C-alpha atoms as a PDB file:
ATOM      1  CA  MET A   1      -4.591  -4.660  24.379  1.00  0.00           C
ATOM      2  CA  LYS A   2      -4.818  -5.340  20.640  1.00  0.00           C
ATOM      3  CA  GLU A   3      -5.341  -8.516  18.657  1.00  0.00           C
ATOM      4  CA  TYR A   4      -4.309  -9.126  15.060  1.00  0.00           C
ATOM      5  CA  LYS A   5      -5.504 -11.219  12.160  1.00  0.00           C
ATOM      6  CA  PHE A   6      -3.932 -12.066   8.797  1.00  0.00           C
ATOM      7  CA  ILE A   7      -6.185 -12.660   5.829  1.00  0.00           C
ATOM      8  CA  ARG A   8      -5.141 -13.747   2.355  1.00  0.00           C
ATOM      9  CA  GLN A   9      -6.905 -13.306  -0.913  1.00  0.00           C
ATOM     10  CA  LYS A  10      -5.916 -16.830  -1.961  1.00  0.00           C
ATOM     11  CA  ASP A  11      -7.362 -18.468   1.174  1.00  0.00           C
ATOM     12  CA  THR A  12     -10.738 -16.872   0.622  1.00  0.00           C
ATOM     13  CA  LEU A  13     -10.907 -17.895  -3.057  1.00  0.00           C
ATOM     14  CA  ILE A  14     -11.545 -14.286  -4.048  1.00  0.00           C
ATOM     15  CA  LYS A  15     -10.878 -13.545  -7.684  1.00  0.00           C
ATOM     16  CA  LYS A  16     -11.661  -9.825  -7.951  1.00  0.00           C
ATOM     17  CA  ASP A  17     -10.438  -6.770  -6.049  1.00  0.00           C
ATOM     18  CA  GLU A  18     -14.056  -5.781  -5.360  1.00  0.00           C
ATOM     19  CA  ASP A  19     -14.643  -9.086  -3.588  1.00  0.00           C
ATOM     20  CA  PHE A  20     -11.584  -8.565  -1.381  1.00  0.00           C
ATOM     21  CA  GLU A  21     -12.805  -5.043  -0.626  1.00  0.00           C
ATOM     22  CA  ALA A  22     -16.179  -6.465   0.410  1.00  0.00           C
ATOM     23  CA  LEU A  23     -14.407  -8.956   2.696  1.00  0.00           C
ATOM     24  CA  LEU A  24     -12.424  -6.135   4.333  1.00  0.00           C
ATOM     25  CA  ASN A  25     -15.635  -4.153   4.825  1.00  0.00           C
ATOM     26  CA  SER A  26     -17.277  -7.146   6.500  1.00  0.00           C
ATOM     27  CA  TYR A  27     -14.369  -7.335   8.976  1.00  0.00           C
ATOM     28  CA  ALA A  28     -14.650  -3.572   9.572  1.00  0.00           C
ATOM     29  CA  LYS A  29     -18.257  -4.046  10.691  1.00  0.00           C
ATOM     30  CA  THR A  30     -16.988  -6.297  13.504  1.00  0.00           C
ATOM     31  CA  GLY A  31     -14.366  -3.799  14.676  1.00  0.00           C
ATOM     32  CA  TRP A  32     -11.323  -4.794  12.615  1.00  0.00           C
ATOM     33  CA  THR A  33      -9.121  -2.096  11.061  1.00  0.00           C
ATOM     34  CA  VAL A  34      -6.694  -2.691   8.191  1.00  0.00           C
ATOM     35  CA  VAL A  35      -3.169  -1.965   9.419  1.00  0.00           C
ATOM     36  CA  ASN A  36      -1.296  -3.001   6.285  1.00  0.00           C
ATOM     37  CA  THR A  37      -1.766  -4.712   2.935  1.00  0.00           C
ATOM     38  CA  PHE A  38       0.927  -6.268   0.793  1.00  0.00           C
ATOM     39  CA  VAL A  39       1.559  -8.790  -1.943  1.00  0.00           C
ATOM     40  CA  HIS A  40       3.822 -11.755  -1.231  1.00  0.00           C
ATOM     41  CA  ARG A  41       4.492 -14.298  -3.977  1.00  0.00           C
ATOM     42  CA  GLY A  42       1.483 -13.055  -5.899  1.00  0.00           C
ATOM     43  CA  ILE A  43      -0.941 -13.376  -2.979  1.00  0.00           C
ATOM     44  CA  LEU A  44      -2.657 -10.275  -1.604  1.00  0.00           C
ATOM     45  CA  LYS A  45      -2.528 -10.198   2.194  1.00  0.00           C
ATOM     46  CA  ALA A  46      -3.887  -7.850   4.822  1.00  0.00           C
ATOM     47  CA  VAL A  47      -3.100  -7.364   8.494  1.00  0.00           C
ATOM     48  CA  LEU A  48      -6.104  -6.441  10.621  1.00  0.00           C
ATOM     49  CA  GLU A  49      -6.186  -5.050  14.157  1.00  0.00           C
ATOM     50  CA  ARG A  50      -8.828  -4.447  16.809  1.00  0.00           C
ATOM     51  CA  ASP A  51      -9.093  -3.956  20.528  1.00  0.00           C
ATOM     52  CA  LYS A  52      -9.112  -7.339  22.234  1.00  0.00           C
ATOM     53  CA  LYS A  53     -12.391  -8.124  23.925  1.00  0.00           C
ATOM     54  CA  ALA A  54     -12.214  -9.083  27.578  1.00  0.00           C
END
């Protein structure tokens, strides 16, 4: 079974692309994979996925 997480650039107060990249890499270290990224109303968002822990 999978679990999903939405993260937003605005919520994390990140101003630069490099900072958002670092945030994504920190999630990757805990097993999250980026499924999709998109911009909605000027806010960068990402959908993350990982296997749900029992």
